[in-house]
Amino acid sequence: MRVVIAEDLFLLREGLSQLVKQHGFEIAEAVDNGPSLLRALLDHQPDVAIIDVRLPPTYSDEGLRAALEARRQIPGLPILVLSQHVEQLYARELLADQAGGVGYLLKDRVFTDEQFFDALHTVARGGTVMDPEVVAKLLARPSNQKPVTRLTDREREVLALMAEGRSNSAIAQRMFVSEKAVSKHCTSIFVKLDLTPSDDDNRRVLAVLAYLNS
């Protein structure tokens, strides 16, 4: 499986490159800035890319903007964001484009090889992986901008877990309720948010985030 890595810090870039190679991945290219990232994504069309948000030349949101542009040209190109920061605007756009194959992890909350590579494989297969803290920040908007104000507290709890990519069964276990009860909450959430229910958990996450970005 071929990987493109974008990280501006030399030691982190080299360390990440060595780590993924040890797990059987091939490094298509490792870059340290936004323009090089976009070129590498378009040239190599990797099986998955691992990118930081803040890259030269602006050190603001170069990584995410390069990823968005690449996915506009290559729909569904798998992108795993690995960063210290949650850049809300472009993160919502990345997660809401309906193509799948996206993830957003925070560097200081990746604790094991297994956690990281499970996420990497999920994204490469077209799935969605989101750190709960990222979900919380994406949902934390002023009340006059949040369609979720229509929801009950229980429905908001279900929505937050659903946005983490959890199945109805997993949500039921987390909330200590029946799966049937979770299903009813999900139906109510989709109705209140004017969204069509789907059996695809990744589509559910993307649809909710897409609506929150409107």
N, C-alpha and C. Protein backbone atom coordinates (compact mmCIF):
# COMPACT_ATOMS: atom_id res chain seq x y z
N MET A 1 0.85 -1.19 0.00
CA MET A 1 0.00 0.00 0.00
C MET A 1 0.88 1.24 0.00
N ARG A 2 0.61 2.16 -0.94
CA ARG A 2 1.47 3.32 -1.13
C ARG A 2 0.93 4.52 -0.35
N VAL A 3 1.87 5.24 0.30
CA VAL A 3 1.50 6.34 1.19
C VAL A 3 2.26 7.61 0.82
N VAL A 4 1.54 8.74 0.88
CA VAL A 4 2.19 10.05 0.83
C VAL A 4 2.10 10.66 2.22
N ILE A 5 3.20 11.21 2.71
CA ILE A 5 3.25 11.83 4.04
C ILE A 5 3.58 13.31 3.88
N ALA A 6 2.85 14.15 4.62
CA ALA A 6 3.14 15.59 4.64
C ALA A 6 3.29 16.04 6.07
N GLU A 7 4.51 16.40 6.44
CA GLU A 7 4.84 16.85 7.80
C GLU A 7 6.05 17.77 7.70
N ASP A 8 5.93 18.99 8.25
CA ASP A 8 7.01 19.95 8.06
C ASP A 8 8.21 19.72 8.99
N LEU A 9 8.00 19.08 10.13
CA LEU A 9 9.11 18.84 11.05
C LEU A 9 9.90 17.61 10.62
N PHE A 10 11.20 17.79 10.43
CA PHE A 10 12.05 16.73 9.87
C PHE A 10 11.98 15.44 10.68
N LEU A 11 12.18 15.54 12.00
CA LEU A 11 12.22 14.33 12.82
C LEU A 11 10.89 13.59 12.82
N LEU A 12 9.80 14.33 12.88
CA LEU A 12 8.49 13.69 12.83
C LEU A 12 8.23 13.04 11.47
N ARG A 13 8.62 13.74 10.42
CA ARG A 13 8.41 13.19 9.06
C ARG A 13 9.21 11.91 8.88
N GLU A 14 10.47 11.93 9.30
CA GLU A 14 11.31 10.75 9.14
C GLU A 14 10.85 9.61 10.05
N GLY A 15 10.47 9.97 11.26
CA GLY A 15 10.00 8.94 12.19
C GLY A 15 8.71 8.28 11.71
N LEU A 16 7.80 9.08 11.20
CA LEU A 16 6.55 8.54 10.67
C LEU A 16 6.80 7.68 9.44
N SER A 17 7.72 8.12 8.60
CA SER A 17 8.08 7.34 7.41
C SER A 17 8.62 5.97 7.79
N GLN A 18 9.52 5.94 8.77
CA GLN A 18 10.09 4.66 9.21
C GLN A 18 9.02 3.77 9.83
N LEU A 19 8.12 4.37 10.59
CA LEU A 19 7.07 3.60 11.25
C LEU A 19 6.15 2.93 10.24
N VAL A 20 5.71 3.67 9.24
CA VAL A 20 4.78 3.07 8.27
C VAL A 20 5.49 2.02 7.41
N LYS A 21 6.78 2.24 7.12
CA LYS A 21 7.52 1.23 6.35
C LYS A 21 7.65 -0.06 7.15
N GLN A 22 7.84 0.06 8.47
CA GLN A 22 7.93 -1.13 9.31
C GLN A 22 6.64 -1.93 9.31
N HIS A 23 5.54 -1.28 8.99
CA HIS A 23 4.24 -1.96 8.95
C HIS A 23 3.84 -2.34 7.53
N GLY A 24 4.80 -2.38 6.62
CA GLY A 24 4.56 -2.92 5.30
C GLY A 24 4.07 -1.93 4.26
N PHE A 25 4.05 -0.64 4.56
CA PHE A 25 3.63 0.36 3.59
C PHE A 25 4.83 0.83 2.76
N GLU A 26 4.55 1.29 1.56
CA GLU A 26 5.57 1.88 0.70
C GLU A 26 5.40 3.40 0.71
N ILE A 27 6.49 4.12 0.93
CA ILE A 27 6.44 5.58 0.93
C ILE A 27 6.57 6.07 -0.51
N ALA A 28 5.45 6.57 -1.06
CA ALA A 28 5.50 7.12 -2.41
C ALA A 28 6.29 8.43 -2.40
N GLU A 29 6.05 9.25 -1.36
CA GLU A 29 6.81 10.50 -1.21
C GLU A 29 6.50 11.08 0.16
N ALA A 30 7.49 11.73 0.76
CA ALA A 30 7.32 12.47 2.02
C ALA A 30 7.70 13.92 1.76
N VAL A 31 6.77 14.84 2.04
CA VAL A 31 6.97 16.25 1.70
C VAL A 31 6.81 17.12 2.95
N ASP A 32 7.22 18.40 2.82
CA ASP A 32 7.20 19.28 3.99
C ASP A 32 6.46 20.59 3.75
N ASN A 33 5.68 20.68 2.66
CA ASN A 33 4.95 21.94 2.40
C ASN A 33 3.71 21.68 1.56
N GLY A 34 2.80 22.67 1.56
CA GLY A 34 1.51 22.50 0.90
C GLY A 34 1.60 22.28 -0.61
N PRO A 35 2.32 23.13 -1.36
CA PRO A 35 2.40 22.92 -2.81
C PRO A 35 2.98 21.55 -3.18
N SER A 36 4.01 21.12 -2.45
CA SER A 36 4.59 19.80 -2.73
C SER A 36 3.61 18.68 -2.41
N LEU A 37 2.78 18.89 -1.38
CA LEU A 37 1.79 17.89 -1.03
C LEU A 37 0.77 17.73 -2.16
N LEU A 38 0.26 18.82 -2.67
CA LEU A 38 -0.72 18.74 -3.75
C LEU A 38 -0.12 18.04 -4.96
N ARG A 39 1.10 18.41 -5.32
CA ARG A 39 1.75 17.75 -6.46
C ARG A 39 1.91 16.26 -6.22
N ALA A 40 2.36 15.89 -5.01
CA ALA A 40 2.59 14.48 -4.70
C ALA A 40 1.28 13.69 -4.74
N LEU A 41 0.20 14.27 -4.23
CA LEU A 41 -1.09 13.57 -4.24
C LEU A 41 -1.58 13.34 -5.66
N LEU A 42 -1.43 14.35 -6.50
CA LEU A 42 -1.89 14.21 -7.89
C LEU A 42 -0.99 13.31 -8.71
N ASP A 43 0.32 13.39 -8.47
CA ASP A 43 1.27 12.57 -9.24
C ASP A 43 1.17 11.09 -8.86
N HIS A 44 1.13 10.81 -7.55
CA HIS A 44 1.21 9.42 -7.07
C HIS A 44 -0.16 8.78 -6.89
N GLN A 45 -1.19 9.58 -6.62
CA GLN A 45 -2.52 9.05 -6.31
C GLN A 45 -2.40 7.86 -5.34
N PRO A 46 -1.88 8.13 -4.14
CA PRO A 46 -1.56 7.05 -3.20
C PRO A 46 -2.81 6.33 -2.68
N ASP A 47 -2.57 5.18 -2.08
CA ASP A 47 -3.67 4.44 -1.44
C ASP A 47 -4.20 5.19 -0.23
N VAL A 48 -3.33 5.97 0.39
CA VAL A 48 -3.73 6.80 1.53
C VAL A 48 -2.65 7.86 1.76
N ALA A 49 -3.06 9.03 2.24
CA ALA A 49 -2.10 10.09 2.57
C ALA A 49 -2.24 10.45 4.04
N ILE A 50 -1.11 10.72 4.68
CA ILE A 50 -1.08 11.17 6.07
C ILE A 50 -0.60 12.60 6.05
N ILE A 51 -1.44 13.53 6.48
CA ILE A 51 -1.07 14.95 6.33
C ILE A 51 -1.24 15.72 7.62
N ASP A 52 -0.39 16.72 7.79
CA ASP A 52 -0.56 17.68 8.87
C ASP A 52 -1.38 18.85 8.32
N VAL A 53 -2.04 19.57 9.22
CA VAL A 53 -2.87 20.71 8.80
C VAL A 53 -2.01 21.90 8.44
N ARG A 54 -1.07 22.26 9.31
CA ARG A 54 -0.30 23.49 9.15
C ARG A 54 1.05 23.21 8.53
N LEU A 55 1.17 23.60 7.27
CA LEU A 55 2.40 23.38 6.52
C LEU A 55 2.88 24.71 5.93
N PRO A 56 4.17 24.80 5.57
CA PRO A 56 4.64 25.97 4.84
C PRO A 56 3.91 26.05 3.49
N PRO A 57 3.78 27.23 2.90
CA PRO A 57 4.45 28.47 3.30
C PRO A 57 3.70 29.30 4.34
N THR A 58 2.41 29.05 4.58
CA THR A 58 1.66 29.94 5.48
C THR A 58 1.58 29.42 6.91
N TYR A 59 1.82 28.13 7.11
CA TYR A 59 1.68 27.50 8.43
C TYR A 59 0.28 27.74 9.01
N SER A 60 -0.73 27.76 8.17
CA SER A 60 -2.10 27.94 8.65
C SER A 60 -2.91 26.68 8.36
N ASP A 61 -3.36 26.53 7.12
CA ASP A 61 -4.20 25.40 6.76
C ASP A 61 -3.78 24.80 5.42
N GLU A 62 -2.49 24.94 5.10
CA GLU A 62 -2.00 24.49 3.79
C GLU A 62 -2.28 23.01 3.54
N GLY A 63 -2.10 22.18 4.56
CA GLY A 63 -2.29 20.74 4.37
C GLY A 63 -3.72 20.38 4.00
N LEU A 64 -4.68 20.94 4.74
CA LEU A 64 -6.07 20.65 4.45
C LEU A 64 -6.50 21.20 3.10
N ARG A 65 -6.05 22.39 2.77
CA ARG A 65 -6.45 22.96 1.48
C ARG A 65 -5.87 22.16 0.31
N ALA A 66 -4.65 21.67 0.47
CA ALA A 66 -4.06 20.81 -0.57
C ALA A 66 -4.85 19.51 -0.69
N ALA A 67 -5.24 18.94 0.45
CA ALA A 67 -6.03 17.70 0.43
C ALA A 67 -7.38 17.91 -0.25
N LEU A 68 -8.04 19.02 0.05
CA LEU A 68 -9.33 19.32 -0.57
C LEU A 68 -9.20 19.47 -2.08
N GLU A 69 -8.18 20.17 -2.51
CA GLU A 69 -7.99 20.36 -3.94
C GLU A 69 -7.70 19.03 -4.62
N ALA A 70 -6.88 18.19 -3.99
CA ALA A 70 -6.58 16.88 -4.56
C ALA A 70 -7.83 16.03 -4.68
N ARG A 71 -8.70 16.09 -3.65
CA ARG A 71 -9.93 15.28 -3.69
C ARG A 71 -10.95 15.86 -4.68
N ARG A 72 -10.86 17.13 -4.97
CA ARG A 72 -11.72 17.68 -6.02
C ARG A 72 -11.32 17.10 -7.37
N GLN A 73 -10.03 16.88 -7.56
CA GLN A 73 -9.55 16.32 -8.83
C GLN A 73 -9.58 14.80 -8.85
N ILE A 74 -9.42 14.19 -7.67
CA ILE A 74 -9.46 12.73 -7.55
C ILE A 74 -10.46 12.38 -6.44
N PRO A 75 -11.74 12.32 -6.74
CA PRO A 75 -12.76 12.07 -5.71
C PRO A 75 -12.48 10.80 -4.91
N GLY A 76 -12.61 10.92 -3.59
CA GLY A 76 -12.42 9.77 -2.73
C GLY A 76 -10.99 9.44 -2.39
N LEU A 77 -10.02 10.27 -2.83
CA LEU A 77 -8.62 10.02 -2.48
C LEU A 77 -8.49 9.97 -0.96
N PRO A 78 -8.05 8.83 -0.40
CA PRO A 78 -8.05 8.67 1.07
C PRO A 78 -7.06 9.60 1.77
N ILE A 79 -7.57 10.34 2.75
CA ILE A 79 -6.76 11.31 3.48
C ILE A 79 -6.95 11.09 4.98
N LEU A 80 -5.83 10.90 5.69
CA LEU A 80 -5.85 10.85 7.15
C LEU A 80 -5.11 12.08 7.66
N VAL A 81 -5.84 12.99 8.30
CA VAL A 81 -5.24 14.18 8.90
C VAL A 81 -4.68 13.79 10.26
N LEU A 82 -3.42 14.11 10.49
CA LEU A 82 -2.76 13.84 11.77
C LEU A 82 -2.14 15.15 12.22
N SER A 83 -2.76 15.79 13.21
CA SER A 83 -2.36 17.15 13.54
C SER A 83 -2.52 17.43 15.03
N GLN A 84 -1.95 18.55 15.46
CA GLN A 84 -2.18 19.04 16.81
C GLN A 84 -3.37 19.98 16.86
N HIS A 85 -3.89 20.34 15.69
CA HIS A 85 -4.91 21.38 15.61
C HIS A 85 -6.17 20.89 14.91
N VAL A 86 -7.30 21.48 15.29
CA VAL A 86 -8.56 21.24 14.59
C VAL A 86 -8.91 22.51 13.82
N GLU A 87 -8.76 22.46 12.51
CA GLU A 87 -9.10 23.60 11.66
C GLU A 87 -10.53 23.38 11.19
N GLN A 88 -11.49 24.08 11.83
CA GLN A 88 -12.89 23.69 11.70
C GLN A 88 -13.46 23.86 10.30
N LEU A 89 -13.22 24.99 9.65
CA LEU A 89 -13.86 25.26 8.37
C LEU A 89 -13.49 24.22 7.32
N TYR A 90 -12.19 24.05 7.08
CA TYR A 90 -11.77 23.12 6.04
C TYR A 90 -11.96 21.67 6.48
N ALA A 91 -11.90 21.40 7.78
CA ALA A 91 -12.16 20.04 8.25
C ALA A 91 -13.60 19.64 7.94
N ARG A 92 -14.54 20.54 8.18
CA ARG A 92 -15.94 20.24 7.84
C ARG A 92 -16.10 19.99 6.35
N GLU A 93 -15.43 20.80 5.54
CA GLU A 93 -15.55 20.63 4.09
C GLU A 93 -14.97 19.29 3.66
N LEU A 94 -13.83 18.92 4.24
CA LEU A 94 -13.21 17.64 3.90
C LEU A 94 -14.13 16.48 4.28
N LEU A 95 -14.72 16.55 5.47
CA LEU A 95 -15.54 15.46 5.97
C LEU A 95 -16.92 15.42 5.35
N ALA A 96 -17.34 16.50 4.72
CA ALA A 96 -18.70 16.59 4.22
C ALA A 96 -18.82 16.40 2.71
N ASP A 97 -17.75 15.98 2.02
CA ASP A 97 -17.84 15.92 0.56
C ASP A 97 -18.46 14.63 0.05
N GLN A 98 -18.93 13.76 0.97
CA GLN A 98 -19.71 12.57 0.64
C GLN A 98 -18.91 11.46 -0.04
N ALA A 99 -17.61 11.61 -0.20
CA ALA A 99 -16.83 10.60 -0.92
C ALA A 99 -16.24 9.53 0.00
N GLY A 100 -16.19 9.77 1.31
CA GLY A 100 -15.60 8.80 2.22
C GLY A 100 -14.08 8.83 2.16
N GLY A 101 -13.44 7.91 2.89
CA GLY A 101 -12.00 7.83 2.88
C GLY A 101 -11.32 8.99 3.56
N VAL A 102 -11.83 9.39 4.74
CA VAL A 102 -11.24 10.51 5.46
C VAL A 102 -11.09 10.17 6.94
N GLY A 103 -10.10 10.77 7.57
CA GLY A 103 -9.90 10.61 9.00
C GLY A 103 -9.25 11.84 9.59
N TYR A 104 -9.45 12.05 10.89
CA TYR A 104 -8.85 13.21 11.56
C TYR A 104 -8.46 12.77 12.97
N LEU A 105 -7.17 12.64 13.20
CA LEU A 105 -6.64 12.25 14.50
C LEU A 105 -5.77 13.37 15.05
N LEU A 106 -5.75 13.49 16.37
CA LEU A 106 -4.89 14.46 17.04
C LEU A 106 -3.61 13.75 17.49
N LYS A 107 -2.48 14.36 17.22
CA LYS A 107 -1.19 13.72 17.48
C LYS A 107 -1.03 13.30 18.94
N ASP A 108 -1.48 14.15 19.86
CA ASP A 108 -1.26 13.83 21.27
C ASP A 108 -2.28 12.85 21.82
N ARG A 109 -3.18 12.33 20.95
CA ARG A 109 -4.15 11.33 21.39
C ARG A 109 -4.01 10.01 20.63
N VAL A 110 -2.90 9.85 19.92
CA VAL A 110 -2.57 8.57 19.30
C VAL A 110 -1.58 7.87 20.23
N PHE A 111 -2.02 6.78 20.85
CA PHE A 111 -1.23 6.18 21.93
C PHE A 111 -0.55 4.87 21.56
N THR A 112 -1.02 4.19 20.50
CA THR A 112 -0.46 2.89 20.15
C THR A 112 -0.36 2.73 18.64
N ASP A 113 0.55 1.82 18.22
CA ASP A 113 0.63 1.46 16.81
C ASP A 113 -0.71 0.94 16.31
N GLU A 114 -1.32 0.08 17.12
CA GLU A 114 -2.58 -0.55 16.70
C GLU A 114 -3.66 0.49 16.43
N GLN A 115 -3.79 1.47 17.30
CA GLN A 115 -4.78 2.53 17.13
C GLN A 115 -4.53 3.28 15.83
N PHE A 116 -3.29 3.65 15.59
CA PHE A 116 -2.96 4.44 14.41
C PHE A 116 -3.17 3.66 13.12
N PHE A 117 -2.69 2.42 13.08
CA PHE A 117 -2.77 1.67 11.83
C PHE A 117 -4.17 1.12 11.58
N ASP A 118 -4.95 0.90 12.63
CA ASP A 118 -6.37 0.59 12.41
C ASP A 118 -7.05 1.75 11.70
N ALA A 119 -6.75 2.97 12.16
CA ALA A 119 -7.33 4.16 11.53
C ALA A 119 -6.85 4.30 10.09
N LEU A 120 -5.56 4.07 9.86
CA LEU A 120 -4.99 4.22 8.52
C LEU A 120 -5.64 3.24 7.54
N HIS A 121 -5.80 1.99 7.96
CA HIS A 121 -6.42 0.99 7.09
C HIS A 121 -7.90 1.31 6.85
N THR A 122 -8.58 1.80 7.87
CA THR A 122 -10.00 2.16 7.70
C THR A 122 -10.17 3.24 6.65
N VAL A 123 -9.34 4.28 6.74
CA VAL A 123 -9.42 5.38 5.77
C VAL A 123 -9.05 4.88 4.37
N ALA A 124 -8.02 4.05 4.26
CA ALA A 124 -7.61 3.53 2.96
C ALA A 124 -8.73 2.71 2.31
N ARG A 125 -9.56 2.07 3.13
CA ARG A 125 -10.68 1.28 2.61
C ARG A 125 -11.90 2.14 2.30
N GLY A 126 -11.81 3.45 2.51
CA GLY A 126 -12.94 4.31 2.22
C GLY A 126 -13.80 4.65 3.42
N GLY A 127 -13.35 4.29 4.62
CA GLY A 127 -14.10 4.57 5.83
C GLY A 127 -13.78 5.93 6.42
N THR A 128 -14.41 6.21 7.55
CA THR A 128 -14.22 7.50 8.24
C THR A 128 -13.77 7.24 9.67
N VAL A 129 -12.74 7.95 10.10
CA VAL A 129 -12.22 7.84 11.47
C VAL A 129 -12.09 9.24 12.04
N MET A 130 -12.70 9.45 13.23
CA MET A 130 -12.64 10.78 13.84
C MET A 130 -12.32 10.66 15.32
N ASP A 131 -11.35 11.43 15.77
CA ASP A 131 -11.08 11.52 17.20
C ASP A 131 -12.27 12.21 17.87
N PRO A 132 -12.74 11.69 19.02
CA PRO A 132 -13.88 12.31 19.70
C PRO A 132 -13.70 13.80 20.00
N GLU A 133 -12.47 14.23 20.28
CA GLU A 133 -12.24 15.65 20.55
C GLU A 133 -12.43 16.49 19.29
N VAL A 134 -12.10 15.92 18.14
CA VAL A 134 -12.34 16.61 16.88
C VAL A 134 -13.84 16.76 16.65
N VAL A 135 -14.58 15.68 16.90
CA VAL A 135 -16.03 15.72 16.76
C VAL A 135 -16.62 16.81 17.64
N ALA A 136 -16.17 16.85 18.89
CA ALA A 136 -16.71 17.83 19.84
C ALA A 136 -16.47 19.26 19.35
N LYS A 137 -15.28 19.52 18.81
CA LYS A 137 -14.98 20.87 18.34
C LYS A 137 -15.76 21.21 17.08
N LEU A 138 -16.00 20.22 16.21
CA LEU A 138 -16.76 20.47 15.00
C LEU A 138 -18.24 20.74 15.32
N LEU A 139 -18.72 20.13 16.39
CA LEU A 139 -20.12 20.33 16.77
C LEU A 139 -20.31 21.57 17.63
N ALA A 140 -19.22 22.12 18.17
CA ALA A 140 -19.32 23.26 19.09
C ALA A 140 -19.38 24.56 18.32
N ARG A 141 -20.58 24.91 17.87
CA ARG A 141 -20.80 26.16 17.15
C ARG A 141 -21.81 26.99 17.93
N PRO A 142 -21.86 28.30 17.70
CA PRO A 142 -22.84 29.12 18.40
C PRO A 142 -24.25 28.61 18.18
N SER A 143 -25.10 28.74 19.21
CA SER A 143 -26.42 28.14 19.17
C SER A 143 -27.26 28.63 18.00
N ASN A 144 -27.09 29.87 17.58
CA ASN A 144 -27.89 30.37 16.47
C ASN A 144 -27.43 29.81 15.12
N GLN A 145 -26.33 29.04 15.12
CA GLN A 145 -25.86 28.43 13.89
C GLN A 145 -26.03 26.92 13.90
N LYS A 146 -26.52 26.34 15.00
CA LYS A 146 -26.53 24.90 15.14
C LYS A 146 -27.93 24.31 14.91
N PRO A 147 -28.13 23.57 13.84
CA PRO A 147 -29.38 22.85 13.68
C PRO A 147 -29.63 21.85 14.79
N VAL A 148 -28.56 21.42 15.48
CA VAL A 148 -28.73 20.44 16.55
C VAL A 148 -29.48 21.01 17.74
N THR A 149 -29.77 22.31 17.75
CA THR A 149 -30.58 22.86 18.84
C THR A 149 -32.00 22.31 18.81
N ARG A 150 -32.39 21.72 17.68
CA ARG A 150 -33.71 21.08 17.61
C ARG A 150 -33.76 19.76 18.37
N LEU A 151 -32.59 19.21 18.67
CA LEU A 151 -32.53 17.88 19.26
C LEU A 151 -32.63 17.90 20.77
N THR A 152 -33.11 16.79 21.32
CA THR A 152 -33.11 16.62 22.77
C THR A 152 -31.69 16.33 23.23
N ASP A 153 -31.47 16.40 24.55
CA ASP A 153 -30.14 16.09 25.08
C ASP A 153 -29.74 14.66 24.73
N ARG A 154 -30.70 13.74 24.80
CA ARG A 154 -30.41 12.34 24.51
C ARG A 154 -30.04 12.17 23.03
N GLU A 155 -30.75 12.88 22.17
CA GLU A 155 -30.46 12.80 20.74
C GLU A 155 -29.10 13.41 20.43
N ARG A 156 -28.73 14.47 21.14
CA ARG A 156 -27.40 15.05 20.92
C ARG A 156 -26.31 14.07 21.33
N GLU A 157 -26.55 13.34 22.41
CA GLU A 157 -25.57 12.34 22.85
C GLU A 157 -25.41 11.26 21.79
N VAL A 158 -26.54 10.81 21.23
CA VAL A 158 -26.48 9.82 20.16
C VAL A 158 -25.76 10.38 18.94
N LEU A 159 -26.06 11.63 18.59
CA LEU A 159 -25.43 12.28 17.43
C LEU A 159 -23.92 12.36 17.59
N ALA A 160 -23.45 12.74 18.78
CA ALA A 160 -22.01 12.83 19.01
C ALA A 160 -21.34 11.48 18.84
N LEU A 161 -21.96 10.42 19.36
CA LEU A 161 -21.41 9.07 19.21
C LEU A 161 -21.48 8.60 17.77
N MET A 162 -22.57 8.95 17.09
CA MET A 162 -22.72 8.60 15.69
C MET A 162 -21.66 9.28 14.84
N ALA A 163 -21.34 10.53 15.18
CA ALA A 163 -20.33 11.28 14.44
C ALA A 163 -18.94 10.72 14.64
N GLU A 164 -18.73 9.95 15.70
CA GLU A 164 -17.46 9.27 15.91
C GLU A 164 -17.32 8.03 15.04
N GLY A 165 -18.40 7.69 14.31
CA GLY A 165 -18.38 6.52 13.45
C GLY A 165 -18.88 5.26 14.12
N ARG A 166 -19.53 5.37 15.28
CA ARG A 166 -20.01 4.20 16.00
C ARG A 166 -21.29 3.64 15.37
N SER A 167 -21.43 2.34 15.38
CA SER A 167 -22.65 1.69 14.92
C SER A 167 -23.74 1.84 15.97
N ASN A 168 -24.99 1.52 15.60
CA ASN A 168 -26.09 1.57 16.57
C ASN A 168 -25.83 0.64 17.74
N SER A 169 -25.26 -0.53 17.44
CA SER A 169 -24.96 -1.48 18.51
C SER A 169 -23.93 -0.92 19.49
N ALA A 170 -22.89 -0.28 18.95
CA ALA A 170 -21.85 0.31 19.80
C ALA A 170 -22.41 1.46 20.63
N ILE A 171 -23.28 2.26 20.02
CA ILE A 171 -23.90 3.37 20.75
C ILE A 171 -24.76 2.83 21.88
N ALA A 172 -25.52 1.78 21.60
CA ALA A 172 -26.38 1.17 22.62
C ALA A 172 -25.55 0.69 23.81
N GLN A 173 -24.43 0.06 23.53
CA GLN A 173 -23.56 -0.42 24.61
C GLN A 173 -23.00 0.74 25.42
N ARG A 174 -22.62 1.81 24.73
CA ARG A 174 -22.04 2.98 25.40
C ARG A 174 -23.08 3.67 26.29
N MET A 175 -24.33 3.73 25.82
CA MET A 175 -25.37 4.47 26.53
C MET A 175 -26.22 3.57 27.46
N PHE A 176 -25.93 2.25 27.42
CA PHE A 176 -26.66 1.30 28.26
C PHE A 176 -28.16 1.31 27.97
N VAL A 177 -28.48 1.32 26.67
CA VAL A 177 -29.87 1.23 26.22
C VAL A 177 -29.94 0.15 25.16
N SER A 178 -31.15 -0.16 24.70
CA SER A 178 -31.31 -1.17 23.66
C SER A 178 -30.95 -0.60 22.30
N GLU A 179 -30.60 -1.49 21.39
CA GLU A 179 -30.30 -1.05 20.03
C GLU A 179 -31.54 -0.47 19.37
N LYS A 180 -32.71 -1.00 19.73
CA LYS A 180 -33.98 -0.48 19.18
C LYS A 180 -34.19 0.97 19.60
N ALA A 181 -33.83 1.29 20.86
CA ALA A 181 -33.97 2.67 21.34
C ALA A 181 -33.03 3.60 20.58
N VAL A 182 -31.82 3.14 20.32
CA VAL A 182 -30.86 3.95 19.55
C VAL A 182 -31.39 4.19 18.14
N SER A 183 -31.96 3.15 17.53
CA SER A 183 -32.51 3.28 16.19
C SER A 183 -33.61 4.34 16.14
N LYS A 184 -34.44 4.38 17.15
CA LYS A 184 -35.50 5.39 17.21
C LYS A 184 -34.91 6.79 17.35
N HIS A 185 -33.89 6.92 18.19
CA HIS A 185 -33.22 8.22 18.34
C HIS A 185 -32.61 8.66 17.00
N CYS A 186 -31.98 7.73 16.29
CA CYS A 186 -31.36 8.06 15.00
C CYS A 186 -32.40 8.53 14.00
N THR A 187 -33.52 7.83 13.97
CA THR A 187 -34.60 8.23 13.05
C THR A 187 -35.07 9.64 13.36
N SER A 188 -35.24 9.94 14.65
CA SER A 188 -35.68 11.27 15.06
C SER A 188 -34.65 12.33 14.69
N ILE A 189 -33.37 12.01 14.87
CA ILE A 189 -32.30 12.95 14.53
C ILE A 189 -32.34 13.30 13.05
N PHE A 190 -32.44 12.28 12.20
CA PHE A 190 -32.45 12.53 10.76
C PHE A 190 -33.68 13.33 10.34
N VAL A 191 -34.81 13.06 10.96
CA VAL A 191 -36.02 13.81 10.63
C VAL A 191 -35.86 15.28 11.02
N LYS A 192 -35.37 15.53 12.23
CA LYS A 192 -35.22 16.90 12.71
C LYS A 192 -34.16 17.68 11.93
N LEU A 193 -33.16 16.97 11.40
CA LEU A 193 -32.11 17.63 10.63
C LEU A 193 -32.37 17.57 9.13
N ASP A 194 -33.58 17.08 8.76
CA ASP A 194 -33.95 16.99 7.34
C ASP A 194 -32.97 16.13 6.56
N LEU A 195 -32.53 15.04 7.17
CA LEU A 195 -31.58 14.14 6.54
C LEU A 195 -32.20 12.76 6.37
N THR A 196 -31.87 12.10 5.28
CA THR A 196 -32.41 10.76 5.01
C THR A 196 -31.58 9.72 5.74
N PRO A 197 -32.19 8.87 6.56
CA PRO A 197 -31.42 7.83 7.26
C PRO A 197 -30.72 6.91 6.28
N SER A 198 -29.58 6.36 6.71
CA SER A 198 -28.80 5.46 5.86
C SER A 198 -28.23 4.36 6.73
N ASP A 199 -28.09 3.17 6.16
CA ASP A 199 -27.47 2.06 6.89
C ASP A 199 -25.95 2.16 6.90
N ASP A 200 -25.41 3.06 6.12
CA ASP A 200 -23.96 3.25 6.02
C ASP A 200 -23.50 4.23 7.10
N ASP A 201 -22.79 3.72 8.10
CA ASP A 201 -22.38 4.57 9.21
C ASP A 201 -21.52 5.73 8.75
N ASN A 202 -20.63 5.51 7.77
CA ASN A 202 -19.79 6.60 7.29
C ASN A 202 -20.61 7.69 6.63
N ARG A 203 -21.62 7.30 5.87
CA ARG A 203 -22.48 8.28 5.24
C ARG A 203 -23.26 9.07 6.29
N ARG A 204 -23.61 8.43 7.35
CA ARG A 204 -24.32 9.14 8.41
C ARG A 204 -23.44 10.23 8.99
N VAL A 205 -22.20 9.90 9.27
CA VAL A 205 -21.28 10.90 9.80
C VAL A 205 -21.11 12.06 8.83
N LEU A 206 -20.88 11.73 7.59
CA LEU A 206 -20.65 12.78 6.60
C LEU A 206 -21.88 13.62 6.37
N ALA A 207 -23.05 13.02 6.38
CA ALA A 207 -24.28 13.78 6.17
C ALA A 207 -24.53 14.76 7.32
N VAL A 208 -24.29 14.31 8.53
CA VAL A 208 -24.49 15.19 9.68
C VAL A 208 -23.51 16.36 9.63
N LEU A 209 -22.24 16.07 9.37
CA LEU A 209 -21.25 17.13 9.31
C LEU A 209 -21.50 18.07 8.13
N ALA A 210 -21.98 17.53 7.03
CA ALA A 210 -22.29 18.36 5.88
C ALA A 210 -23.41 19.34 6.23
N TYR A 211 -24.40 18.88 6.94
CA TYR A 211 -25.50 19.76 7.32
C TYR A 211 -25.02 20.83 8.29
N LEU A 212 -24.17 20.43 9.23
CA LEU A 212 -23.66 21.39 10.21
C LEU A 212 -22.78 22.45 9.55
N ASN A 213 -22.25 22.14 8.39
CA ASN A 213 -21.41 23.09 7.67
C ASN A 213 -22.23 24.04 6.79
N SER A 214 -23.54 23.81 6.69
CA SER A 214 -24.37 24.65 5.80
C SER A 214 -24.72 25.97 6.45
